[in-house]
Amino acid sequence: MDQADDQRTDQRPAARAADRPAARIDPLDPRSELGEFLRSCRARLRPEDVGLPDYGRHRRVPGLRREELAQLAGVSVAYYTRLEQGQGQNVSAEVLDSLARALRLDDTQYTHLTHLAQPKGRKRRQSQSHRPEKVRPELLRLLDALDDVPAYIVGRRQDVVGWNRMAAAVFGDFGALPPQERNLVRMVFLDPATAELYGEWECRACEVVSNLRLYAGQYPDDAQLSALVGELSVKNAEFRTLWAEHTVHNKSHGSKELRHPLVGPLTLSFETLTFPDNPEQSLVTYHAEPGSASADALRMLGSWAAPAPSSSAPSAPSAPSSSG
């Protein structure tokens, strides 16, 4: 896994860095996050999606107008305008339900809307985000026991806080990276080797940004999160674009097309399992269809992978959480 470059020269459009650094701004202003999310959802809705006439070229804004959305949600235009301007405080559950129905939000989007509009418990969540992140020793032993299964544990801000030898063989040696760079979002946008690994880079980029948005809704005052978003916003144009779209998504299973530098194409299914006692951490596992070419390639890769040293459970990200 290569050291991250500040100025990418990769010619692939989806993995090219910004030609010039953008002006640094506060990306997590709690006063504006709700309004920006509402505007982005409203812009993605077409009039015909909600049974309204489409006036074609006479529409001056993408998606629905504020008046149309307010009417669908059963609130006054003035009140809805205040919400988009970041002036709403502790919006009622009834209004949130109405907005969610009008905007056709799914469960993940509704949860995100609730976190933005009802900041109860934000102080408690913020205090937790400053604590050193630890991985239970039992989970590290579980990673090592999954000897033939690429697996890693992802924590706050999508930091990789534990992994096994097969995860290192497939995705790169996390242990060779400085602790602060063991972050899935940072690797996708700033590490050329990671960008080349994903055959569908654009999908992976959208996925990690959407997940980061979900975390930001719960921890808008997380200083390390702000630093990460600020760095990526300055260094990568594609990240800036995706971050500004305010898309939230939580894909817990699916498949990924990889282009591994040693064994070639890999099609791997993944499962994401969140720990009930610590919802900030999840175990992500990958496997190939039995008897497939990808299964053969994964076995070959496993035979070449170095054996894992004994696992330990230090605080993350100050030291590797598992074998690399």
C-alpha atoms as a PDB file:
ATOM      1  CA  MET A   1       0.000   0.000   0.000  1.00  0.00           C
ATOM      2  CA  ASP A   2       1.590   3.241  -1.139  1.00  0.00           C
ATOM      3  CA  GLN A   3       2.030   6.362   0.926  1.00  0.00           C
ATOM      4  CA  ALA A   4      -0.843   8.772   0.311  1.00  0.00           C
ATOM      5  CA  ASP A   5      -0.080  11.549  -2.133  1.00  0.00           C
ATOM      6  CA  ASP A   6      -1.315  15.094  -1.627  1.00  0.00           C
ATOM      7  CA  GLN A   7      -1.419  15.765  -5.360  1.00  0.00           C
ATOM      8  CA  ARG A   8      -2.620  12.727  -7.313  1.00  0.00           C
ATOM      9  CA  THR A   9      -1.416  12.234 -10.901  1.00  0.00           C
ATOM     10  CA  ASP A  10      -3.666   9.270 -11.654  1.00  0.00           C
ATOM     11  CA  GLN A  11      -5.548   9.983 -14.868  1.00  0.00           C
ATOM     12  CA  ARG A  12      -8.658   8.016 -13.876  1.00  0.00           C
ATOM     13  CA  PRO A  13     -11.363  10.717 -13.547  1.00  0.00           C
ATOM     14  CA  ALA A  14     -12.831   9.268 -10.362  1.00  0.00           C
ATOM     15  CA  ALA A  15      -9.475   9.078  -8.592  1.00  0.00           C
ATOM     16  CA  ARG A  16      -7.923  12.355  -9.713  1.00  0.00           C
ATOM     17  CA  ALA A  17      -7.159  14.959  -7.057  1.00  0.00           C
ATOM     18  CA  ALA A  18      -8.144  18.594  -7.315  1.00  0.00           C
ATOM     19  CA  ASP A  19      -6.004  20.738  -9.591  1.00  0.00           C
ATOM     20  CA  ARG A  20      -5.904  23.423  -6.957  1.00  0.00           C
ATOM     21  CA  PRO A  21      -6.672  23.144  -3.242  1.00  0.00           C
ATOM     22  CA  ALA A  22     -10.071  24.528  -2.359  1.00  0.00           C
ATOM     23  CA  ALA A  23     -10.538  27.147   0.325  1.00  0.00           C
ATOM     24  CA  ARG A  24     -10.711  25.488   3.719  1.00  0.00           C
ATOM     25  CA  ILE A  25     -14.094  25.861   5.378  1.00  0.00           C
ATOM     26  CA  ASP A  26     -15.764  24.416   8.444  1.00  0.00           C
ATOM     27  CA  PRO A  27     -17.431  21.300   6.967  1.00  0.00           C
ATOM     28  CA  LEU A  28     -19.432  20.368  10.053  1.00  0.00           C
ATOM     29  CA  ASP A  29     -21.236  23.523  11.123  1.00  0.00           C
ATOM     30  CA  PRO A  30     -24.144  22.140  13.215  1.00  0.00           C
ATOM     31  CA  ARG A  31     -26.268  25.169  12.288  1.00  0.00           C
ATOM     32  CA  SER A  32     -26.195  24.385   8.586  1.00  0.00           C
ATOM     33  CA  GLU A  33     -26.040  20.567   8.401  1.00  0.00           C
ATOM     34  CA  LEU A  34     -29.815  20.122   8.757  1.00  0.00           C
ATOM     35  CA  GLY A  35     -30.610  22.735   6.116  1.00  0.00           C
ATOM     36  CA  GLU A  36     -28.082  21.356   3.654  1.00  0.00           C
ATOM     37  CA  PHE A  37     -29.404  17.831   4.086  1.00  0.00           C
ATOM     38  CA  LEU A  38     -32.992  18.960   3.498  1.00  0.00           C
ATOM     39  CA  ARG A  39     -31.983  20.937   0.412  1.00  0.00           C
ATOM     40  CA  SER A  40     -30.086  17.996  -1.061  1.00  0.00           C
ATOM     41  CA  CYS A  41     -33.034  15.629  -0.498  1.00  0.00           C
ATOM     42  CA  ARG A  42     -35.475  18.133  -1.986  1.00  0.00           C
ATOM     43  CA  ALA A  43     -33.258  18.636  -5.046  1.00  0.00           C
ATOM     44  CA  ARG A  44     -33.207  14.885  -5.733  1.00  0.00           C
ATOM     45  CA  LEU A  45     -37.022  14.625  -5.853  1.00  0.00           C
ATOM     46  CA  ARG A  46     -38.749  15.205  -9.180  1.00  0.00           C
ATOM     47  CA  PRO A  47     -42.298  16.626  -9.268  1.00  0.00           C
ATOM     48  CA  GLU A  48     -43.620  13.453 -10.902  1.00  0.00           C
ATOM     49  CA  ASP A  49     -42.186  11.419  -8.004  1.00  0.00           C
ATOM     50  CA  VAL A  50     -44.736  13.002  -5.679  1.00  0.00           C
ATOM     51  CA  GLY A  51     -47.645  13.437  -8.104  1.00  0.00           C
ATOM     52  CA  LEU A  52     -47.023  17.096  -8.985  1.00  0.00           C
ATOM     53  CA  PRO A  53     -47.050  18.574 -12.517  1.00  0.00           C
ATOM     54  CA  ASP A  54     -43.668  19.189 -14.123  1.00  0.00           C
ATOM     55  CA  TYR A  55     -43.404  22.563 -15.846  1.00  0.00           C
ATOM     56  CA  GLY A  56     -40.178  21.599 -17.600  1.00  0.00           C
ATOM     57  CA  ARG A  57     -37.972  24.505 -18.609  1.00  0.00           C
ATOM     58  CA  HIS A  58     -40.032  26.902 -16.529  1.00  0.00           C
ATOM     59  CA  ARG A  59     -38.688  25.351 -13.315  1.00  0.00           C
ATOM     60  CA  ARG A  60     -35.744  27.371 -12.075  1.00  0.00           C
ATOM     61  CA  VAL A  61     -34.559  24.955  -9.398  1.00  0.00           C
ATOM     62  CA  PRO A  62     -33.692  21.256  -9.530  1.00  0.00           C
ATOM     63  CA  GLY A  63     -36.176  19.029  -7.794  1.00  0.00           C
ATOM     64  CA  LEU A  64     -39.058  20.374  -5.740  1.00  0.00           C
ATOM     65  CA  ARG A  65     -39.606  23.980  -4.742  1.00  0.00           C
ATOM     66  CA  ARG A  66     -39.720  24.875  -1.055  1.00  0.00           C
ATOM     67  CA  GLU A  67     -43.417  25.700  -1.335  1.00  0.00           C
ATOM     68  CA  GLU A  68     -44.154  22.304  -2.851  1.00  0.00           C
ATOM     69  CA  LEU A  69     -42.247  20.417  -0.183  1.00  0.00           C
ATOM     70  CA  ALA A  70     -43.850  22.456   2.598  1.00  0.00           C
ATOM     71  CA  GLN A  71     -47.296  21.704   1.206  1.00  0.00           C
ATOM     72  CA  LEU A  72     -46.543  17.971   1.012  1.00  0.00           C
ATOM     73  CA  ALA A  73     -45.245  17.965   4.588  1.00  0.00           C
ATOM     74  CA  GLY A  74     -48.146  20.012   5.937  1.00  0.00           C
ATOM     75  CA  VAL A  75     -46.019  22.853   7.341  1.00  0.00           C
ATOM     76  CA  SER A  76     -45.887  26.529   6.491  1.00  0.00           C
ATOM     77  CA  VAL A  77     -43.424  27.728   3.868  1.00  0.00           C
ATOM     78  CA  ALA A  78     -41.949  30.161   6.392  1.00  0.00           C
ATOM     79  CA  TYR A  79     -41.306  27.386   8.912  1.00  0.00           C
ATOM     80  CA  TYR A  80     -39.758  25.073   6.341  1.00  0.00           C
ATOM     81  CA  THR A  81     -37.592  27.920   5.049  1.00  0.00           C
ATOM     82  CA  ARG A  82     -36.265  28.481   8.569  1.00  0.00           C
ATOM     83  CA  LEU A  83     -35.315  24.794   8.760  1.00  0.00           C
ATOM     84  CA  GLU A  84     -33.344  25.008   5.519  1.00  0.00           C
ATOM     85  CA  GLN A  85     -31.663  28.152   6.825  1.00  0.00           C
ATOM     86  CA  GLY A  86     -30.467  26.281   9.896  1.00  0.00           C
ATOM     87  CA  GLN A  87     -32.766  28.113  12.290  1.00  0.00           C
ATOM     88  CA  GLY A  88     -34.789  25.137  13.513  1.00  0.00           C
ATOM     89  CA  GLN A  89     -34.205  23.952  17.076  1.00  0.00           C
ATOM     90  CA  ASN A  90     -35.338  20.543  18.367  1.00  0.00           C
ATOM     91  CA  VAL A  91     -37.883  19.862  15.642  1.00  0.00           C
ATOM     92  CA  SER A  92     -40.828  17.780  16.847  1.00  0.00           C
ATOM     93  CA  ALA A  93     -41.138  14.103  15.957  1.00  0.00           C
ATOM     94  CA  GLU A  94     -44.423  14.812  14.157  1.00  0.00           C
ATOM     95  CA  VAL A  95     -42.785  17.352  11.835  1.00  0.00           C
ATOM     96  CA  LEU A  96     -39.855  15.015  11.198  1.00  0.00           C
ATOM     97  CA  ASP A  97     -42.252  12.209  10.268  1.00  0.00           C
ATOM     98  CA  SER A  98     -44.071  14.519   7.853  1.00  0.00           C
ATOM     99  CA  LEU A  99     -40.830  15.716   6.264  1.00  0.00           C
ATOM    100  CA  ALA A 100     -39.563  12.148   5.926  1.00  0.00           C
ATOM    101  CA  ARG A 101     -42.744  11.077   4.141  1.00  0.00           C
ATOM    102  CA  ALA A 102     -42.698  14.099   1.856  1.00  0.00           C
ATOM    103  CA  LEU A 103     -39.029  13.569   0.981  1.00  0.00           C
ATOM    104  CA  ARG A 104     -39.459   9.787   0.535  1.00  0.00           C
ATOM    105  CA  LEU A 105     -36.671   9.068   3.031  1.00  0.00           C
ATOM    106  CA  ASP A 106     -35.633   5.506   3.821  1.00  0.00           C
ATOM    107  CA  ASP A 107     -34.883   4.305   7.358  1.00  0.00           C
ATOM    108  CA  THR A 108     -31.207   5.287   7.234  1.00  0.00           C
ATOM    109  CA  GLN A 109     -32.001   8.771   5.927  1.00  0.00           C
ATOM    110  CA  TYR A 110     -34.725   9.215   8.546  1.00  0.00           C
ATOM    111  CA  THR A 111     -32.301   8.283  11.332  1.00  0.00           C
ATOM    112  CA  HIS A 112     -29.806  10.800   9.980  1.00  0.00           C
ATOM    113  CA  LEU A 113     -32.494  13.497   9.804  1.00  0.00           C
ATOM    114  CA  THR A 114     -33.416  12.807  13.426  1.00  0.00           C
ATOM    115  CA  HIS A 115     -29.793  13.111  14.575  1.00  0.00           C
ATOM    116  CA  LEU A 116     -29.490  16.471  12.821  1.00  0.00           C
ATOM    117  CA  ALA A 117     -32.811  17.914  13.974  1.00  0.00           C
ATOM    118  CA  GLN A 118     -32.956  16.589  17.538  1.00  0.00           C
ATOM    119  CA  PRO A 119     -29.515  17.028  19.097  1.00  0.00           C
ATOM    120  CA  LYS A 120     -30.540  15.471  22.411  1.00  0.00           C
ATOM    121  CA  GLY A 121     -27.697  13.414  23.751  1.00  0.00           C
ATOM    122  CA  ARG A 122     -25.188  15.170  21.500  1.00  0.00           C
ATOM    123  CA  LYS A 123     -23.051  16.158  24.481  1.00  0.00           C
ATOM    124  CA  ARG A 124     -22.921  12.533  25.641  1.00  0.00           C
ATOM    125  CA  ARG A 125     -22.068  11.243  22.158  1.00  0.00           C
ATOM    126  CA  GLN A 126     -19.425  13.923  21.746  1.00  0.00           C
ATOM    127  CA  SER A 127     -17.716  12.947  25.007  1.00  0.00           C
ATOM    128  CA  GLN A 128     -17.579   9.331  23.837  1.00  0.00           C
ATOM    129  CA  SER A 129     -15.972  10.317  20.536  1.00  0.00           C
ATOM    130  CA  HIS A 130     -12.911  11.649  22.403  1.00  0.00           C
ATOM    131  CA  ARG A 131     -12.224   8.435  24.282  1.00  0.00           C
ATOM    132  CA  PRO A 132      -9.384   6.205  23.027  1.00  0.00           C
ATOM    133  CA  GLU A 133     -10.845   3.517  20.816  1.00  0.00           C
ATOM    134  CA  LYS A 134     -10.137  -0.006  21.994  1.00  0.00           C
ATOM    135  CA  VAL A 135     -10.863  -3.415  20.544  1.00  0.00           C
ATOM    136  CA  ARG A 136     -11.781  -6.251  22.882  1.00  0.00           C
ATOM    137  CA  PRO A 137      -9.067  -8.954  22.985  1.00  0.00           C
ATOM    138  CA  GLU A 138     -11.708 -11.576  22.216  1.00  0.00           C
ATOM    139  CA  LEU A 139     -12.492  -9.819  18.932  1.00  0.00           C
ATOM    140  CA  LEU A 140      -8.832  -9.759  17.964  1.00  0.00           C
ATOM    141  CA  ARG A 141      -8.623 -13.480  18.630  1.00  0.00           C
ATOM    142  CA  LEU A 142     -11.736 -13.941  16.491  1.00  0.00           C
ATOM    143  CA  LEU A 143     -10.019 -12.092  13.634  1.00  0.00           C
ATOM    144  CA  ASP A 144      -7.032 -14.421  13.833  1.00  0.00           C
ATOM    145  CA  ALA A 145      -9.325 -17.467  13.999  1.00  0.00           C
ATOM    146  CA  LEU A 146     -10.883 -16.402  10.682  1.00  0.00           C
ATOM    147  CA  ASP A 147      -7.639 -17.470   9.056  1.00  0.00           C
ATOM    148  CA  ASP A 148      -8.988 -18.003   5.523  1.00  0.00           C
ATOM    149  CA  VAL A 149     -11.461 -15.110   5.614  1.00  0.00           C
ATOM    150  CA  PRO A 150     -10.356 -11.522   4.943  1.00  0.00           C
ATOM    151  CA  ALA A 151     -11.766  -9.581   7.896  1.00  0.00           C
ATOM    152  CA  TYR A 152     -11.210  -6.283   9.640  1.00  0.00           C
ATOM    153  CA  ILE A 153     -12.864  -4.186  12.339  1.00  0.00           C
ATOM    154  CA  VAL A 154     -13.828  -0.634  11.479  1.00  0.00           C
ATOM    155  CA  GLY A 155     -14.487   1.949  14.179  1.00  0.00           C
ATOM    156  CA  ARG A 156     -15.108   5.661  14.465  1.00  0.00           C
ATOM    157  CA  ARG A 157     -14.678   7.736  11.317  1.00  0.00           C
ATOM    158  CA  GLN A 158     -14.149   4.392   9.490  1.00  0.00           C
ATOM    159  CA  ASP A 159     -10.741   3.882  11.087  1.00  0.00           C
ATOM    160  CA  VAL A 160      -9.459   0.323  10.661  1.00  0.00           C
ATOM    161  CA  VAL A 161      -8.753  -0.729  14.251  1.00  0.00           C
ATOM    162  CA  GLY A 162      -8.208  -4.472  13.780  1.00  0.00           C
ATOM    163  CA  TRP A 163      -7.474  -6.873  10.903  1.00  0.00           C
ATOM    164  CA  ASN A 164      -6.193 -10.347  10.102  1.00  0.00           C
ATOM    165  CA  ARG A 165      -3.526 -11.595   7.713  1.00  0.00           C
ATOM    166  CA  MET A 166      -5.980 -12.216   4.870  1.00  0.00           C
ATOM    167  CA  ALA A 167      -7.351  -8.676   5.080  1.00  0.00           C
ATOM    168  CA  ALA A 168      -3.789  -7.389   4.794  1.00  0.00           C
ATOM    169  CA  ALA A 169      -3.169  -9.720   1.848  1.00  0.00           C
ATOM    170  CA  VAL A 170      -6.254  -8.498  -0.024  1.00  0.00           C
ATOM    171  CA  PHE A 171      -6.477  -4.813   0.901  1.00  0.00           C
ATOM    172  CA  GLY A 172      -2.858  -3.980   1.761  1.00  0.00           C
ATOM    173  CA  ASP A 173      -0.680  -3.995   4.848  1.00  0.00           C
ATOM    174  CA  PHE A 174      -2.534  -1.757   7.305  1.00  0.00           C
ATOM    175  CA  GLY A 175       0.333  -2.222   9.756  1.00  0.00           C
ATOM    176  CA  ALA A 176       2.746  -0.501   7.356  1.00  0.00           C
ATOM    177  CA  LEU A 177       0.679   2.695   7.525  1.00  0.00           C
ATOM    178  CA  PRO A 178       0.977   5.329  10.260  1.00  0.00           C
ATOM    179  CA  PRO A 179      -1.954   4.883  12.682  1.00  0.00           C
ATOM    180  CA  GLN A 180      -3.667   8.097  11.571  1.00  0.00           C
ATOM    181  CA  GLU A 181      -3.730   6.854   7.957  1.00  0.00           C
ATOM    182  CA  ARG A 182      -5.506   3.561   8.694  1.00  0.00           C
ATOM    183  CA  ASN A 183      -8.797   5.043   7.576  1.00  0.00           C
ATOM    184  CA  LEU A 184     -10.966   3.634   4.787  1.00  0.00           C
ATOM    185  CA  VAL A 185     -12.136   7.022   3.516  1.00  0.00           C
ATOM    186  CA  ARG A 186      -8.649   8.476   3.445  1.00  0.00           C
ATOM    187  CA  MET A 187      -7.274   5.410   1.655  1.00  0.00           C
ATOM    188  CA  VAL A 188     -10.002   5.437  -1.015  1.00  0.00           C
ATOM    189  CA  PHE A 189      -9.402   9.077  -1.917  1.00  0.00           C
ATOM    190  CA  LEU A 190      -5.689   9.615  -1.243  1.00  0.00           C
ATOM    191  CA  ASP A 191      -3.958   6.260  -1.772  1.00  0.00           C
ATOM    192  CA  PRO A 192      -3.392   5.389  -5.472  1.00  0.00           C
ATOM    193  CA  ALA A 193      -2.985   1.653  -4.729  1.00  0.00           C
ATOM    194  CA  THR A 194      -6.384   1.529  -3.005  1.00  0.00           C
ATOM    195  CA  ALA A 195      -8.009   3.436  -5.870  1.00  0.00           C
ATOM    196  CA  GLU A 196      -6.607   0.908  -8.342  1.00  0.00           C
ATOM    197  CA  LEU A 197      -7.791  -2.037  -6.227  1.00  0.00           C
ATOM    198  CA  TYR A 198     -11.497  -1.253  -6.613  1.00  0.00           C
ATOM    199  CA  GLY A 199     -12.876  -2.078 -10.037  1.00  0.00           C
ATOM    200  CA  GLU A 200     -15.920   0.096  -9.306  1.00  0.00           C
ATOM    201  CA  TRP A 201     -14.132   2.966  -7.610  1.00  0.00           C
ATOM    202  CA  GLU A 202     -17.023   5.391  -7.912  1.00  0.00           C
ATOM    203  CA  CYS A 203     -19.349   3.038  -6.020  1.00  0.00           C
ATOM    204  CA  ARG A 204     -16.800   2.491  -3.260  1.00  0.00           C
ATOM    205  CA  ALA A 205     -16.189   6.244  -2.980  1.00  0.00           C
ATOM    206  CA  CYS A 206     -19.913   6.960  -2.610  1.00  0.00           C
ATOM    207  CA  GLU A 207     -20.215   4.195  -0.043  1.00  0.00           C
ATOM    208  CA  VAL A 208     -17.465   5.418   2.286  1.00  0.00           C
ATOM    209  CA  VAL A 209     -18.593   9.063   2.056  1.00  0.00           C
ATOM    210  CA  SER A 210     -22.204   8.109   2.792  1.00  0.00           C
ATOM    211  CA  ASN A 211     -21.098   6.141   5.842  1.00  0.00           C
ATOM    212  CA  LEU A 212     -18.971   9.042   7.035  1.00  0.00           C
ATOM    213  CA  ARG A 213     -21.988  11.346   6.690  1.00  0.00           C
ATOM    214  CA  LEU A 214     -23.958   9.055   8.997  1.00  0.00           C
ATOM    215  CA  TYR A 215     -21.235   9.301  11.625  1.00  0.00           C
ATOM    216  CA  ALA A 216     -21.079  13.085  11.210  1.00  0.00           C
ATOM    217  CA  GLY A 217     -24.795  13.311  11.964  1.00  0.00           C
ATOM    218  CA  GLN A 218     -24.182  11.718  15.354  1.00  0.00           C
ATOM    219  CA  TYR A 219     -20.859  13.420  16.162  1.00  0.00           C
ATOM    220  CA  PRO A 220     -20.847  16.824  14.411  1.00  0.00           C
ATOM    221  CA  ASP A 221     -18.379  18.238  16.954  1.00  0.00           C
ATOM    222  CA  ASP A 222     -15.810  15.445  16.640  1.00  0.00           C
ATOM    223  CA  ALA A 223     -12.539  17.335  16.130  1.00  0.00           C
ATOM    224  CA  GLN A 224     -10.795  14.400  14.427  1.00  0.00           C
ATOM    225  CA  LEU A 225     -13.711  14.023  12.044  1.00  0.00           C
ATOM    226  CA  SER A 226     -13.540  17.723  11.150  1.00  0.00           C
ATOM    227  CA  ALA A 227      -9.812  17.399  10.538  1.00  0.00           C
ATOM    228  CA  LEU A 228     -10.332  14.385   8.270  1.00  0.00           C
ATOM    229  CA  VAL A 229     -13.115  16.029   6.259  1.00  0.00           C
ATOM    230  CA  GLY A 230     -11.108  19.250   6.009  1.00  0.00           C
ATOM    231  CA  GLU A 231      -8.010  17.450   4.742  1.00  0.00           C
ATOM    232  CA  LEU A 232      -9.912  15.426   2.160  1.00  0.00           C
ATOM    233  CA  SER A 233     -11.884  18.486   1.025  1.00  0.00           C
ATOM    234  CA  VAL A 234      -8.658  20.352   0.320  1.00  0.00           C
ATOM    235  CA  LYS A 235      -6.807  17.486  -1.346  1.00  0.00           C
ATOM    236  CA  ASN A 236      -9.466  15.762  -3.450  1.00  0.00           C
ATOM    237  CA  ALA A 237     -12.082  17.275  -5.751  1.00  0.00           C
ATOM    238  CA  GLU A 238     -14.202  14.122  -5.936  1.00  0.00           C
ATOM    239  CA  PHE A 239     -14.494  13.965  -2.154  1.00  0.00           C
ATOM    240  CA  ARG A 240     -15.632  17.611  -2.054  1.00  0.00           C
ATOM    241  CA  THR A 241     -18.325  16.877  -4.615  1.00  0.00           C
ATOM    242  CA  LEU A 242     -19.628  13.756  -2.872  1.00  0.00           C
ATOM    243  CA  TRP A 243     -19.510  15.345   0.580  1.00  0.00           C
ATOM    244  CA  ALA A 244     -21.564  18.303  -0.644  1.00  0.00           C
ATOM    245  CA  GLU A 245     -24.313  15.967  -1.898  1.00  0.00           C
ATOM    246  CA  HIS A 246     -25.209  14.933   1.704  1.00  0.00           C
ATOM    247  CA  THR A 247     -25.984  11.359   0.650  1.00  0.00           C
ATOM    248  CA  VAL A 248     -26.374   8.888   3.506  1.00  0.00           C
ATOM    249  CA  HIS A 249     -26.441   5.149   3.026  1.00  0.00           C
ATOM    250  CA  ASN A 250     -25.704   2.112   5.140  1.00  0.00           C
ATOM    251  CA  LYS A 251     -24.927  -0.904   2.980  1.00  0.00           C
ATOM    252  CA  SER A 252     -24.363  -3.822   5.329  1.00  0.00           C
ATOM    253  CA  HIS A 253     -23.858  -6.519   2.694  1.00  0.00           C
ATOM    254  CA  GLY A 254     -23.183  -6.902  -1.004  1.00  0.00           C
ATOM    255  CA  SER A 255     -20.312  -7.682  -3.337  1.00  0.00           C
ATOM    256  CA  LYS A 256     -17.185  -5.922  -4.517  1.00  0.00           C
ATOM    257  CA  GLU A 257     -15.177  -6.236  -7.711  1.00  0.00           C
ATOM    258  CA  LEU A 258     -11.450  -5.999  -6.974  1.00  0.00           C
ATOM    259  CA  ARG A 259      -8.397  -5.893  -9.227  1.00  0.00           C
ATOM    260  CA  HIS A 260      -5.665  -7.388  -7.089  1.00  0.00           C
ATOM    261  CA  PRO A 261      -2.092  -6.709  -8.256  1.00  0.00           C
ATOM    262  CA  LEU A 262      -1.005 -10.327  -7.581  1.00  0.00           C
ATOM    263  CA  VAL A 263      -3.974 -12.581  -8.372  1.00  0.00           C
ATOM    264  CA  GLY A 264      -6.019 -10.407 -10.718  1.00  0.00           C
ATOM    265  CA  PRO A 265      -9.822  -9.997 -10.639  1.00  0.00           C
ATOM    266  CA  LEU A 266     -11.667 -10.917  -7.440  1.00  0.00           C
ATOM    267  CA  THR A 267     -15.406 -10.931  -6.826  1.00  0.00           C
ATOM    268  CA  LEU A 268     -15.994 -10.996  -3.076  1.00  0.00           C
ATOM    269  CA  SER A 269     -19.185 -10.841  -1.068  1.00  0.00           C
ATOM    270  CA  PHE A 270     -19.068  -8.859   2.166  1.00  0.00           C
ATOM    271  CA  GLU A 271     -21.058  -8.826   5.388  1.00  0.00           C
ATOM    272  CA  THR A 272     -20.947  -6.058   7.996  1.00  0.00           C
ATOM    273  CA  LEU A 273     -21.805  -7.082  11.551  1.00  0.00           C
ATOM    274  CA  THR A 274     -22.196  -4.322  14.151  1.00  0.00           C
ATOM    275  CA  PHE A 275     -21.447  -5.252  17.760  1.00  0.00           C
ATOM    276  CA  PRO A 276     -24.486  -4.769  20.039  1.00  0.00           C
ATOM    277  CA  ASP A 277     -22.322  -3.718  22.992  1.00  0.00           C
ATOM    278  CA  ASN A 278     -20.363  -1.194  20.892  1.00  0.00           C
ATOM    279  CA  PRO A 279     -22.309   0.068  17.848  1.00  0.00           C
ATOM    280  CA  GLU A 280     -19.384   2.294  16.884  1.00  0.00           C
ATOM    281  CA  GLN A 281     -17.454  -0.794  15.768  1.00  0.00           C
ATOM    282  CA  SER A 282     -18.297  -3.343  13.086  1.00  0.00           C
ATOM    283  CA  LEU A 283     -16.734  -6.537  11.799  1.00  0.00           C
ATOM    284  CA  VAL A 284     -16.480  -6.688   8.004  1.00  0.00           C
ATOM    285  CA  THR A 285     -15.846 -10.087   6.389  1.00  0.00           C
ATOM    286  CA  TYR A 286     -15.277 -11.053   2.755  1.00  0.00           C
ATOM    287  CA  HIS A 287     -15.726 -14.388   1.014  1.00  0.00           C
ATOM    288  CA  ALA A 288     -15.804 -15.791  -2.516  1.00  0.00           C
ATOM    289  CA  GLU A 289     -18.376 -18.123  -4.026  1.00  0.00           C
ATOM    290  CA  PRO A 290     -17.237 -21.725  -3.478  1.00  0.00           C
ATOM    291  CA  GLY A 291     -15.658 -23.276  -6.563  1.00  0.00           C
ATOM    292  CA  SER A 292     -15.278 -19.932  -8.330  1.00  0.00           C
ATOM    293  CA  ALA A 293     -12.125 -18.490  -9.872  1.00  0.00           C
ATOM    294  CA  SER A 294     -12.177 -15.877  -7.108  1.00  0.00           C
ATOM    295  CA  ALA A 295     -12.157 -18.633  -4.465  1.00  0.00           C
ATOM    296  CA  ASP A 296      -9.123 -20.212  -6.129  1.00  0.00           C
ATOM    297  CA  ALA A 297      -7.378 -16.838  -6.314  1.00  0.00           C
ATOM    298  CA  LEU A 298      -8.183 -16.119  -2.675  1.00  0.00           C
ATOM    299  CA  ARG A 299      -6.721 -19.496  -1.642  1.00  0.00           C
ATOM    300  CA  MET A 300      -3.583 -18.785  -3.627  1.00  0.00           C
ATOM    301  CA  LEU A 301      -3.285 -15.375  -2.029  1.00  0.00           C
ATOM    302  CA  GLY A 302      -3.697 -16.965   1.396  1.00  0.00           C
ATOM    303  CA  SER A 303      -0.864 -19.399   0.735  1.00  0.00           C
ATOM    304  CA  TRP A 304       1.448 -16.480   0.009  1.00  0.00           C
ATOM    305  CA  ALA A 305       0.323 -14.308   2.937  1.00  0.00           C
ATOM    306  CA  ALA A 306       2.688 -14.086   5.886  1.00  0.00           C
ATOM    307  CA  PRO A 307       1.461 -15.732   9.109  1.00  0.00           C
ATOM    308  CA  ALA A 308       0.035 -13.334  11.644  1.00  0.00           C
ATOM    309  CA  PRO A 309       2.017 -12.579  14.815  1.00  0.00           C
ATOM    310  CA  SER A 310       0.344 -12.895  18.196  1.00  0.00           C
ATOM    311  CA  SER A 311      -2.494 -10.387  18.518  1.00  0.00           C
ATOM    312  CA  SER A 312      -2.707  -7.755  21.190  1.00  0.00           C
ATOM    313  CA  ALA A 313      -5.343  -5.203  22.064  1.00  0.00           C
ATOM    314  CA  PRO A 314      -3.805  -1.730  22.497  1.00  0.00           C
ATOM    315  CA  SER A 315      -5.852   1.403  22.192  1.00  0.00           C
ATOM    316  CA  ALA A 316      -6.469   2.486  18.614  1.00  0.00           C
ATOM    317  CA  PRO A 317      -5.187   4.254  16.656  1.00  0.00           C
ATOM    318  CA  SER A 318      -1.961   4.542  18.678  1.00  0.00           C
ATOM    319  CA  ALA A 319      -0.732   1.114  17.569  1.00  0.00           C
ATOM    320  CA  PRO A 320      -1.788  -1.760  15.290  1.00  0.00           C
ATOM    321  CA  SER A 321      -4.821  -3.484  16.731  1.00  0.00           C
ATOM    322  CA  SER A 322      -4.065  -6.830  15.167  1.00  0.00           C
ATOM    323  CA  SER A 323      -1.750  -8.565  12.768  1.00  0.00           C
ATOM    324  CA  GLY A 324      -0.974  -6.912   9.468  1.00  0.00           C
END
